[in-house]
Amino acid sequence: MAFMLLPAAASGQAPPPSGGASPVDPALQPPGKAKVVDGVAIPPPDAPPEIVAAIGAANAISKKPYRYGGGHALNFADTSAFDCSGAISFALKGAGLLDQPLDSRSFASWGEAGKGRWITVYTNPGHAYVVIAGVRFDTSAGGGSRFRRRAPRVEPGKGPRWRGTRSSAAFTARHPAGF
């Protein structure tokens, strides 16, 4: 006598319970995305307090001028101008995720590898930018004409601003633990 094993669905039996989390569990849902209105980012309603604080800190320096080495003073004592990593450092400091400014090379080993759920720092030896709640905060417009077609209302100019998307191909992704 031969026996044939059939999947539970084929045999008319219900599959055993998975014991896993419910697909409607909020921890498994993608996070909300911030909205940018007139150059100011508005955090999504489901954002943790640290993300709201990071967005608030970034908003506070948005449209400040660019200056190489800007934002790297001890304890962030000088907030008159920022470079790329100084702006990221200021936003992360606002969230309580960083104590002192880092340069773009240092961000390559900061935090945990890969994209984060809420915050991802993209870095290489020459530049860095951060994506917070799905929106890029950067001192460089980046992305060329393709960028302008996707995000026509992006603030032109140098210095920290909320900007449209750009390729992350030449960058290493890092994120703070838990975010």
N, C-alpha and C. Protein backbone atom coordinates (compact mmCIF):
# COMPACT_ATOMS: atom_id res chain seq x y z
N MET A 1 0.84 -1.15 0.00
CA MET A 1 0.00 0.00 0.00
C MET A 1 0.90 1.23 0.00
N ALA A 2 0.67 2.22 -0.90
CA ALA A 2 1.48 3.44 -1.02
C ALA A 2 0.74 4.60 -0.36
N PHE A 3 1.49 5.42 0.28
CA PHE A 3 0.93 6.62 0.90
C PHE A 3 1.46 7.85 0.18
N MET A 4 0.61 8.84 0.04
CA MET A 4 1.03 10.10 -0.57
C MET A 4 0.80 11.22 0.45
N LEU A 5 1.84 12.00 0.69
CA LEU A 5 1.70 13.13 1.59
C LEU A 5 1.23 14.34 0.79
N LEU A 6 0.19 14.97 1.27
CA LEU A 6 -0.34 16.16 0.62
C LEU A 6 -0.19 17.36 1.55
N PRO A 7 0.00 18.55 1.00
CA PRO A 7 0.00 19.73 1.85
C PRO A 7 -1.35 19.84 2.56
N ALA A 8 -1.38 20.51 3.70
CA ALA A 8 -2.60 20.61 4.49
C ALA A 8 -3.76 21.15 3.66
N ALA A 9 -3.51 22.16 2.82
CA ALA A 9 -4.58 22.74 2.03
C ALA A 9 -5.14 21.72 1.04
N ALA A 10 -4.30 20.89 0.47
CA ALA A 10 -4.74 19.89 -0.49
C ALA A 10 -5.51 18.77 0.20
N SER A 11 -5.23 18.52 1.46
CA SER A 11 -5.90 17.43 2.15
C SER A 11 -7.20 17.88 2.80
N GLY A 12 -7.51 19.19 2.69
CA GLY A 12 -8.74 19.68 3.28
C GLY A 12 -8.59 20.03 4.75
N GLN A 13 -7.39 19.93 5.29
CA GLN A 13 -7.17 20.28 6.69
C GLN A 13 -6.64 21.70 6.79
N ALA A 14 -6.98 22.34 7.87
CA ALA A 14 -6.44 23.68 8.12
C ALA A 14 -4.98 23.55 8.52
N PRO A 15 -4.15 24.47 8.08
CA PRO A 15 -2.75 24.42 8.50
C PRO A 15 -2.64 24.69 10.00
N PRO A 16 -1.62 24.14 10.61
CA PRO A 16 -1.46 24.38 12.04
C PRO A 16 -1.18 25.85 12.31
N PRO A 17 -1.53 26.35 13.50
CA PRO A 17 -1.25 27.75 13.79
C PRO A 17 0.25 28.02 13.72
N SER A 18 0.61 29.21 13.25
CA SER A 18 2.02 29.52 13.05
C SER A 18 2.73 29.88 14.35
N GLY A 19 1.98 30.37 15.31
CA GLY A 19 2.62 30.81 16.54
C GLY A 19 3.36 32.11 16.36
N GLY A 20 3.35 32.67 15.14
CA GLY A 20 4.05 33.92 14.86
C GLY A 20 3.19 35.12 15.20
N ALA A 21 3.72 36.28 14.90
CA ALA A 21 3.01 37.52 15.16
C ALA A 21 1.90 37.72 14.14
N SER A 22 0.90 38.46 14.52
CA SER A 22 -0.20 38.79 13.64
C SER A 22 0.29 39.73 12.54
N PRO A 23 -0.20 39.57 11.31
CA PRO A 23 0.24 40.47 10.24
C PRO A 23 -0.22 41.91 10.47
N VAL A 24 -1.15 42.14 11.39
CA VAL A 24 -1.57 43.50 11.69
C VAL A 24 -0.84 44.08 12.90
N ASP A 25 0.13 43.35 13.41
CA ASP A 25 0.94 43.83 14.53
C ASP A 25 1.65 45.11 14.10
N PRO A 26 1.48 46.23 14.85
CA PRO A 26 2.12 47.50 14.45
C PRO A 26 3.63 47.40 14.29
N ALA A 27 4.27 46.51 15.03
CA ALA A 27 5.73 46.37 14.92
C ALA A 27 6.15 45.83 13.56
N LEU A 28 5.23 45.19 12.85
CA LEU A 28 5.55 44.62 11.54
C LEU A 28 5.13 45.53 10.39
N GLN A 29 4.45 46.62 10.69
CA GLN A 29 4.00 47.53 9.64
C GLN A 29 5.12 48.49 9.26
N PRO A 30 5.18 48.88 7.99
CA PRO A 30 6.20 49.86 7.62
C PRO A 30 5.90 51.19 8.33
N PRO A 31 6.94 51.92 8.69
CA PRO A 31 6.71 53.19 9.38
C PRO A 31 6.11 54.22 8.44
N GLY A 32 5.46 55.21 9.03
CA GLY A 32 4.91 56.30 8.24
C GLY A 32 6.03 57.13 7.63
N LYS A 33 5.67 57.96 6.68
CA LYS A 33 6.65 58.81 6.01
C LYS A 33 6.37 60.26 6.38
N ALA A 34 7.44 60.99 6.67
CA ALA A 34 7.32 62.42 6.95
C ALA A 34 6.86 63.14 5.68
N LYS A 35 6.27 64.29 5.87
CA LYS A 35 5.88 65.14 4.75
C LYS A 35 6.68 66.44 4.86
N VAL A 36 7.07 66.98 3.72
CA VAL A 36 7.79 68.25 3.71
C VAL A 36 6.87 69.31 3.13
N VAL A 37 6.62 70.35 3.93
CA VAL A 37 5.76 71.46 3.53
C VAL A 37 6.55 72.75 3.68
N ASP A 38 6.74 73.45 2.58
CA ASP A 38 7.50 74.70 2.59
C ASP A 38 8.87 74.55 3.24
N GLY A 39 9.53 73.45 2.96
CA GLY A 39 10.88 73.22 3.46
C GLY A 39 10.97 72.71 4.88
N VAL A 40 9.83 72.45 5.52
CA VAL A 40 9.80 71.96 6.90
C VAL A 40 9.23 70.55 6.89
N ALA A 41 9.93 69.61 7.53
CA ALA A 41 9.44 68.23 7.60
C ALA A 41 8.46 68.09 8.76
N ILE A 42 7.38 67.38 8.50
CA ILE A 42 6.37 67.09 9.52
C ILE A 42 6.42 65.59 9.78
N PRO A 43 6.71 65.20 11.02
CA PRO A 43 6.84 63.76 11.31
C PRO A 43 5.51 63.04 11.14
N PRO A 44 5.57 61.76 10.78
CA PRO A 44 4.33 60.99 10.69
C PRO A 44 3.77 60.74 12.08
N PRO A 45 2.46 60.50 12.20
CA PRO A 45 1.85 60.31 13.51
C PRO A 45 2.40 59.12 14.29
N ASP A 46 2.92 58.12 13.60
CA ASP A 46 3.41 56.92 14.30
C ASP A 46 4.90 57.00 14.64
N ALA A 47 5.52 58.15 14.43
CA ALA A 47 6.96 58.28 14.68
C ALA A 47 7.27 58.24 16.18
N PRO A 48 8.30 57.48 16.56
CA PRO A 48 8.74 57.48 17.96
C PRO A 48 9.26 58.88 18.35
N PRO A 49 9.29 59.19 19.64
CA PRO A 49 9.75 60.51 20.09
C PRO A 49 11.15 60.87 19.58
N GLU A 50 12.04 59.91 19.48
CA GLU A 50 13.40 60.19 18.98
C GLU A 50 13.37 60.66 17.53
N ILE A 51 12.48 60.11 16.75
CA ILE A 51 12.37 60.49 15.34
C ILE A 51 11.78 61.89 15.23
N VAL A 52 10.76 62.17 16.04
CA VAL A 52 10.18 63.52 16.07
C VAL A 52 11.27 64.52 16.46
N ALA A 53 12.10 64.18 17.44
CA ALA A 53 13.18 65.07 17.88
C ALA A 53 14.24 65.25 16.79
N ALA A 54 14.60 64.17 16.08
CA ALA A 54 15.58 64.28 14.99
C ALA A 54 15.06 65.19 13.89
N ILE A 55 13.80 65.04 13.55
CA ILE A 55 13.19 65.89 12.52
C ILE A 55 13.16 67.34 13.00
N GLY A 56 12.82 67.56 14.26
CA GLY A 56 12.81 68.91 14.81
C GLY A 56 14.18 69.56 14.78
N ALA A 57 15.21 68.80 15.12
CA ALA A 57 16.58 69.32 15.09
C ALA A 57 16.99 69.65 13.66
N ALA A 58 16.67 68.77 12.72
CA ALA A 58 17.00 69.02 11.31
C ALA A 58 16.25 70.25 10.80
N ASN A 59 14.97 70.38 11.17
CA ASN A 59 14.21 71.57 10.77
C ASN A 59 14.86 72.85 11.29
N ALA A 60 15.41 72.79 12.49
CA ALA A 60 16.02 73.97 13.12
C ALA A 60 17.23 74.49 12.35
N ILE A 61 17.91 73.61 11.63
CA ILE A 61 19.10 74.05 10.88
C ILE A 61 18.88 74.04 9.37
N SER A 62 17.69 73.64 8.95
CA SER A 62 17.39 73.62 7.52
C SER A 62 17.53 75.04 6.96
N LYS A 63 18.16 75.14 5.83
CA LYS A 63 18.41 76.39 5.11
C LYS A 63 19.55 77.21 5.71
N LYS A 64 20.27 76.66 6.68
CA LYS A 64 21.50 77.33 7.14
C LYS A 64 22.51 77.19 6.01
N PRO A 65 23.52 78.04 5.96
CA PRO A 65 24.51 77.93 4.89
C PRO A 65 25.42 76.71 5.05
N TYR A 66 26.02 76.34 3.92
CA TYR A 66 27.02 75.27 3.91
C TYR A 66 28.38 75.87 4.25
N ARG A 67 29.13 75.16 5.08
CA ARG A 67 30.53 75.51 5.32
C ARG A 67 31.27 74.22 5.62
N TYR A 68 32.35 73.97 4.88
CA TYR A 68 33.16 72.78 5.14
C TYR A 68 33.63 72.83 6.59
N GLY A 69 33.38 71.75 7.33
CA GLY A 69 33.74 71.69 8.74
C GLY A 69 32.68 72.27 9.66
N GLY A 70 31.62 72.83 9.08
CA GLY A 70 30.56 73.43 9.89
C GLY A 70 29.77 72.38 10.66
N GLY A 71 29.43 72.70 11.89
CA GLY A 71 28.66 71.78 12.72
C GLY A 71 29.52 70.81 13.50
N HIS A 72 30.84 71.00 13.46
CA HIS A 72 31.74 70.06 14.13
C HIS A 72 32.37 70.62 15.41
N ALA A 73 31.90 71.76 15.87
CA ALA A 73 32.44 72.32 17.11
C ALA A 73 32.06 71.42 18.29
N LEU A 74 32.93 71.36 19.27
CA LEU A 74 32.68 70.57 20.47
C LEU A 74 31.32 70.95 21.06
N ASN A 75 30.53 69.95 21.38
CA ASN A 75 29.18 70.14 21.94
C ASN A 75 28.26 70.95 21.03
N PHE A 76 28.56 70.98 19.74
CA PHE A 76 27.73 71.69 18.76
C PHE A 76 27.59 73.17 19.12
N ALA A 77 28.68 73.76 19.62
CA ALA A 77 28.65 75.14 20.10
C ALA A 77 28.39 76.15 18.97
N ASP A 78 28.78 75.85 17.74
CA ASP A 78 28.58 76.76 16.62
C ASP A 78 27.56 76.16 15.67
N THR A 79 26.41 76.81 15.54
CA THR A 79 25.37 76.31 14.64
C THR A 79 25.10 77.30 13.50
N SER A 80 26.11 78.09 13.14
CA SER A 80 25.92 79.10 12.11
C SER A 80 25.94 78.53 10.69
N ALA A 81 26.62 77.42 10.48
CA ALA A 81 26.72 76.79 9.16
C ALA A 81 27.09 75.32 9.36
N PHE A 82 26.79 74.50 8.35
CA PHE A 82 27.00 73.06 8.47
C PHE A 82 27.55 72.47 7.20
N ASP A 83 28.38 71.43 7.36
CA ASP A 83 28.70 70.57 6.23
C ASP A 83 27.80 69.34 6.34
N CYS A 84 27.98 68.39 5.44
CA CYS A 84 27.07 67.24 5.38
C CYS A 84 27.02 66.46 6.69
N SER A 85 28.16 66.05 7.17
CA SER A 85 28.18 65.21 8.38
C SER A 85 27.87 66.01 9.64
N GLY A 86 28.18 67.31 9.63
CA GLY A 86 27.81 68.16 10.76
C GLY A 86 26.30 68.28 10.88
N ALA A 87 25.61 68.39 9.75
CA ALA A 87 24.15 68.47 9.75
C ALA A 87 23.52 67.17 10.25
N ILE A 88 24.05 66.04 9.78
CA ILE A 88 23.55 64.74 10.25
C ILE A 88 23.79 64.60 11.74
N SER A 89 24.99 64.95 12.18
CA SER A 89 25.33 64.85 13.59
C SER A 89 24.38 65.68 14.45
N PHE A 90 24.04 66.89 13.98
CA PHE A 90 23.14 67.76 14.74
C PHE A 90 21.75 67.12 14.87
N ALA A 91 21.24 66.56 13.79
CA ALA A 91 19.93 65.90 13.84
C ALA A 91 19.95 64.71 14.80
N LEU A 92 21.01 63.91 14.73
CA LEU A 92 21.11 62.74 15.61
C LEU A 92 21.31 63.15 17.07
N LYS A 93 22.02 64.23 17.30
CA LYS A 93 22.19 64.77 18.66
C LYS A 93 20.82 65.19 19.21
N GLY A 94 20.03 65.84 18.38
CA GLY A 94 18.69 66.26 18.79
C GLY A 94 17.82 65.10 19.23
N ALA A 95 18.05 63.94 18.65
CA ALA A 95 17.29 62.73 18.99
C ALA A 95 17.90 61.99 20.17
N GLY A 96 19.04 62.47 20.67
CA GLY A 96 19.72 61.76 21.75
C GLY A 96 20.47 60.54 21.28
N LEU A 97 20.81 60.49 19.99
CA LEU A 97 21.46 59.31 19.41
C LEU A 97 22.95 59.51 19.15
N LEU A 98 23.46 60.70 19.47
CA LEU A 98 24.87 61.01 19.23
C LEU A 98 25.29 62.10 20.21
N ASP A 99 26.49 61.97 20.77
CA ASP A 99 26.96 62.96 21.74
C ASP A 99 27.83 64.04 21.13
N GLN A 100 28.66 63.68 20.15
CA GLN A 100 29.59 64.62 19.52
C GLN A 100 29.53 64.44 18.01
N PRO A 101 29.85 65.48 17.25
CA PRO A 101 29.80 65.38 15.79
C PRO A 101 30.77 64.33 15.24
N LEU A 102 30.35 63.69 14.16
CA LEU A 102 31.20 62.74 13.43
C LEU A 102 31.40 63.26 12.02
N ASP A 103 32.51 62.86 11.39
CA ASP A 103 32.70 63.18 9.98
C ASP A 103 32.17 62.01 9.14
N SER A 104 32.14 62.20 7.82
CA SER A 104 31.55 61.16 6.97
C SER A 104 32.29 59.83 7.05
N ARG A 105 33.60 59.86 7.22
CA ARG A 105 34.36 58.60 7.37
C ARG A 105 33.97 57.88 8.66
N SER A 106 33.80 58.62 9.73
CA SER A 106 33.44 58.02 11.02
C SER A 106 32.04 57.40 10.98
N PHE A 107 31.14 57.99 10.20
CA PHE A 107 29.80 57.42 10.09
C PHE A 107 29.82 56.03 9.45
N ALA A 108 30.88 55.70 8.71
CA ALA A 108 30.98 54.39 8.06
C ALA A 108 31.06 53.25 9.06
N SER A 109 31.46 53.53 10.29
CA SER A 109 31.52 52.47 11.31
C SER A 109 30.59 52.76 12.49
N TRP A 110 29.79 53.79 12.39
CA TRP A 110 28.86 54.18 13.45
C TRP A 110 27.60 53.31 13.40
N GLY A 111 26.98 53.10 14.53
CA GLY A 111 25.70 52.40 14.56
C GLY A 111 25.79 50.97 14.06
N GLU A 112 24.73 50.54 13.40
CA GLU A 112 24.65 49.18 12.87
C GLU A 112 24.61 49.22 11.35
N ALA A 113 25.08 48.15 10.73
CA ALA A 113 25.12 48.07 9.27
C ALA A 113 23.71 47.97 8.68
N GLY A 114 23.55 48.54 7.50
CA GLY A 114 22.31 48.41 6.74
C GLY A 114 21.33 49.54 7.00
N LYS A 115 20.20 49.45 6.29
CA LYS A 115 19.15 50.45 6.42
C LYS A 115 18.42 50.27 7.74
N GLY A 116 18.01 51.37 8.30
CA GLY A 116 17.21 51.35 9.52
C GLY A 116 15.74 51.46 9.19
N ARG A 117 14.93 51.19 10.17
CA ARG A 117 13.47 51.30 10.01
C ARG A 117 13.06 52.77 9.91
N TRP A 118 13.67 53.64 10.72
CA TRP A 118 13.30 55.05 10.78
C TRP A 118 14.41 56.00 10.31
N ILE A 119 15.66 55.64 10.55
CA ILE A 119 16.79 56.51 10.21
C ILE A 119 17.85 55.68 9.50
N THR A 120 18.34 56.19 8.38
CA THR A 120 19.49 55.58 7.71
C THR A 120 20.46 56.69 7.33
N VAL A 121 21.70 56.53 7.75
CA VAL A 121 22.78 57.43 7.34
C VAL A 121 23.48 56.76 6.17
N TYR A 122 23.59 57.47 5.05
CA TYR A 122 24.31 56.98 3.87
C TYR A 122 25.63 57.73 3.83
N THR A 123 26.74 57.00 3.80
CA THR A 123 28.03 57.65 3.91
C THR A 123 29.08 57.03 3.00
N ASN A 124 30.02 57.85 2.58
CA ASN A 124 31.23 57.39 1.90
C ASN A 124 32.35 58.33 2.35
N PRO A 125 33.58 58.14 1.91
CA PRO A 125 34.66 59.00 2.42
C PRO A 125 34.50 60.49 2.11
N GLY A 126 33.69 60.84 1.13
CA GLY A 126 33.57 62.24 0.75
C GLY A 126 32.25 62.92 1.05
N HIS A 127 31.22 62.17 1.37
CA HIS A 127 29.90 62.78 1.59
C HIS A 127 29.03 61.86 2.43
N ALA A 128 28.04 62.46 3.07
CA ALA A 128 27.06 61.70 3.84
C ALA A 128 25.73 62.44 3.80
N TYR A 129 24.66 61.70 3.89
CA TYR A 129 23.32 62.27 4.04
C TYR A 129 22.51 61.31 4.89
N VAL A 130 21.35 61.76 5.35
CA VAL A 130 20.52 60.93 6.21
C VAL A 130 19.09 60.92 5.67
N VAL A 131 18.44 59.78 5.82
CA VAL A 131 17.02 59.66 5.52
C VAL A 131 16.32 59.41 6.85
N ILE A 132 15.43 60.31 7.21
CA ILE A 132 14.68 60.22 8.46
C ILE A 132 13.20 60.12 8.10
N ALA A 133 12.56 59.06 8.57
CA ALA A 133 11.13 58.83 8.29
C ALA A 133 10.84 58.95 6.79
N GLY A 134 11.74 58.42 5.98
CA GLY A 134 11.52 58.35 4.54
C GLY A 134 11.87 59.59 3.75
N VAL A 135 12.41 60.63 4.40
CA VAL A 135 12.73 61.87 3.69
C VAL A 135 14.22 62.18 3.86
N ARG A 136 14.86 62.58 2.76
CA ARG A 136 16.31 62.83 2.77
C ARG A 136 16.63 64.23 3.27
N PHE A 137 17.58 64.29 4.20
CA PHE A 137 18.14 65.56 4.69
C PHE A 137 19.59 65.58 4.26
N ASP A 138 19.98 66.60 3.46
CA ASP A 138 21.28 66.58 2.80
C ASP A 138 21.73 68.01 2.52
N THR A 139 23.03 68.19 2.43
CA THR A 139 23.58 69.49 2.05
C THR A 139 23.78 69.60 0.55
N SER A 140 23.62 68.52 -0.17
CA SER A 140 23.85 68.48 -1.61
C SER A 140 22.56 68.13 -2.33
N ALA A 141 22.28 68.85 -3.41
CA ALA A 141 21.08 68.53 -4.19
C ALA A 141 21.18 67.11 -4.75
N GLY A 142 22.35 66.73 -5.27
CA GLY A 142 22.55 65.38 -5.78
C GLY A 142 21.52 64.97 -6.80
N GLY A 143 21.77 63.89 -7.49
CA GLY A 143 20.79 63.29 -8.36
C GLY A 143 20.61 63.90 -9.73
N GLY A 144 21.16 65.07 -10.03
CA GLY A 144 21.07 65.65 -11.36
C GLY A 144 19.66 65.93 -11.82
N SER A 145 19.43 65.92 -13.14
CA SER A 145 18.13 66.28 -13.69
C SER A 145 17.05 65.29 -13.31
N ARG A 146 17.40 64.03 -13.17
CA ARG A 146 16.43 63.03 -12.75
C ARG A 146 15.84 63.44 -11.40
N PHE A 147 16.67 63.97 -10.55
CA PHE A 147 16.27 64.44 -9.22
C PHE A 147 15.24 65.57 -9.35
N ARG A 148 15.50 66.52 -10.23
CA ARG A 148 14.60 67.67 -10.36
C ARG A 148 13.25 67.25 -10.91
N ARG A 149 13.19 66.29 -11.80
CA ARG A 149 11.90 65.85 -12.32
C ARG A 149 11.08 65.18 -11.23
N ARG A 150 11.72 64.43 -10.35
CA ARG A 150 11.00 63.73 -9.28
C ARG A 150 10.56 64.67 -8.17
N ALA A 151 11.33 65.70 -7.91
CA ALA A 151 11.05 66.56 -6.76
C ALA A 151 11.17 68.03 -7.17
N PRO A 152 10.20 68.54 -7.91
CA PRO A 152 10.34 69.89 -8.43
C PRO A 152 10.34 70.99 -7.37
N ARG A 153 9.83 70.72 -6.16
CA ARG A 153 9.75 71.76 -5.14
C ARG A 153 10.93 71.74 -4.16
N VAL A 154 11.97 71.05 -4.52
CA VAL A 154 13.14 70.96 -3.64
C VAL A 154 13.84 72.31 -3.60
N GLU A 155 14.27 72.70 -2.40
CA GLU A 155 15.02 73.94 -2.22
C GLU A 155 16.36 73.85 -2.96
N PRO A 156 16.65 74.78 -3.84
CA PRO A 156 17.98 74.78 -4.45
C PRO A 156 19.00 75.33 -3.47
N GLY A 157 20.24 75.19 -3.80
CA GLY A 157 21.28 75.78 -2.99
C GLY A 157 22.00 74.79 -2.10
N LYS A 158 23.10 75.27 -1.56
CA LYS A 158 23.91 74.43 -0.68
C LYS A 158 23.48 74.65 0.76
N GLY A 159 23.81 73.67 1.57
CA GLY A 159 23.45 73.74 2.97
C GLY A 159 22.39 72.71 3.28
N PRO A 160 22.15 72.45 4.56
CA PRO A 160 21.21 71.40 4.93
C PRO A 160 19.77 71.76 4.55
N ARG A 161 19.12 70.82 3.87
CA ARG A 161 17.73 70.99 3.45
C ARG A 161 17.09 69.62 3.29
N TRP A 162 15.77 69.58 3.36
CA TRP A 162 15.03 68.37 3.02
C TRP A 162 14.99 68.32 1.50
N ARG A 163 15.36 67.18 0.94
CA ARG A 163 15.49 67.08 -0.51
C ARG A 163 14.84 65.81 -1.03
N GLY A 164 14.72 65.73 -2.34
CA GLY A 164 14.17 64.54 -2.98
C GLY A 164 15.15 63.38 -2.90
N THR A 165 14.75 62.25 -3.44
CA THR A 165 15.58 61.05 -3.37
C THR A 165 16.83 61.17 -4.23
N ARG A 166 17.81 60.34 -3.91
CA ARG A 166 19.02 60.23 -4.73
C ARG A 166 19.49 58.78 -4.64
N SER A 167 20.32 58.38 -5.57
CA SER A 167 20.86 57.03 -5.55
C SER A 167 21.78 56.86 -4.35
N SER A 168 21.67 55.70 -3.72
CA SER A 168 22.55 55.38 -2.59
C SER A 168 23.64 54.40 -3.01
N ALA A 169 23.79 54.18 -4.32
CA ALA A 169 24.71 53.15 -4.82
C ALA A 169 26.15 53.33 -4.36
N ALA A 170 26.63 54.54 -4.23
CA ALA A 170 28.04 54.76 -3.86
C ALA A 170 28.23 54.96 -2.36
N PHE A 171 27.20 54.63 -1.59
CA PHE A 171 27.23 54.90 -0.15
C PHE A 171 27.06 53.63 0.67
N THR A 172 27.57 53.67 1.88
CA THR A 172 27.36 52.61 2.87
C THR A 172 26.20 53.05 3.76
N ALA A 173 25.26 52.15 4.00
CA ALA A 173 24.11 52.46 4.85
C ALA A 173 24.38 52.02 6.29
N ARG A 174 24.11 52.91 7.23
CA ARG A 174 24.24 52.64 8.67
C ARG A 174 23.01 53.20 9.38
N HIS A 175 22.69 52.65 10.52
CA HIS A 175 21.55 53.16 11.28
C HIS A 175 21.76 53.00 12.78
N PRO A 176 21.07 53.83 13.57
CA PRO A 176 21.17 53.68 15.02
C PRO A 176 20.40 52.44 15.47
N ALA A 177 20.90 51.76 16.47
CA ALA A 177 20.23 50.56 16.98
C ALA A 177 18.80 50.89 17.37
N GLY A 178 17.88 50.05 16.94
CA GLY A 178 16.47 50.21 17.28
C GLY A 178 15.70 51.13 16.37
N PHE A 179 16.37 51.77 15.44
CA PHE A 179 15.68 52.71 14.56
C PHE A 179 15.99 52.45 13.10
